[in-house]
């Protein structure tokens, strides 16, 4: 199995699939391809899964596990984020390759304003998006930025640990849930007593963790965490509605006072390669946006303020970034349109821009086929 993994990584695989009843497969250049002729038996996949599970307690209950996350390292080859699942009554293993080095914000084509946000002294920063949208990688790049430029103590709570950070200007304490601490909530409470300047929470999974994160931000730490929401406004709403109804107004005030930025992202295929590129929405909590949160003003007002704050604060909506990606010839027009919050609005805006610049023929108009 280790020889197969090494061969796959050498060929540039990003994800590996080991499944009972199937051959070894890997995702290379966006396609899931066969890399062996041997079919894995249920017993073989079970044995491989046992090798990847780090604790004796979890190995003993392998036949009760239905979805299990961990990480694994193969010396001289790489690190992997592991998901062990059950399908058709047998085990399957999905191994996502984690680069050895922590990528920079520039490597990931992320907006420069994320560097400013990462270097804030205190407050709460949320990175949001669907599963598989690159939130963990963005968080790692933000911690990398802090590590390169600031003398801080950073405590991370992850499930599992993905990127390994070497101590540089900062000292980085990385704790894995289930191995180094019992839960995100208990690890976060402990971090408040561990002289942390920055706390990274891999995911805020429950209201108690969210409230503790807000408390840490109130006490002066910078807290960076994730939520599963397709947009910045969705994440904001999710935070407020997590509070019980009788505490919601107080919760709204606490969110408005501690939140500093919400970064939402989607991954889109690049036009010129098989790599993916993020479309990013950045909402910074300026005085005007804070007022909108406090008084429950319509979300359209926050979107408008975000659009208007582009030059002064580096903010941007998905719509604005998608327009830019098309204009820079990094993403196909149809791909950007499909990813837009309102495809019809996106089409209208792009047509207007084309008219203004005398390039109407470069972007398809409504109802026009490519090449027509």
Foldseek 3Di string as FASTA:
>chain_A
DVVLLQVCVVQPFFKWKQDAQAATWTQHLNDIDHDDDDHHHLVRLLVVVLVVDDDPVCNVCVLVDAWAWEKDADPPRAIWTWIWHDDPSGIMIMTGGFDQDQDACVNQVHFPLLLVVLPDQFFEEEEEAAPPFCSVSSVSNSVVSCQAPHAFEEEEEDQADGHDDDRHSYHYHYAYDPPRHPDLLRVLVVVLVVRGQEYEYAADDALSSLVSQLVRRVVGHYYYYYYYDQAQVRVLVVQLVRDPPVCSLVSLLSNLVRHAKYKYWGWFQWPPGSDTHIQIFIQGNDVVNSVCSNVVNDVVVSQVVQCVCCVPNVGDGSLVSLLVCVVVNTHDPVRSLVSDPHSVVSLVVNCVVCVVVVNNVVHDHPPDDVVD
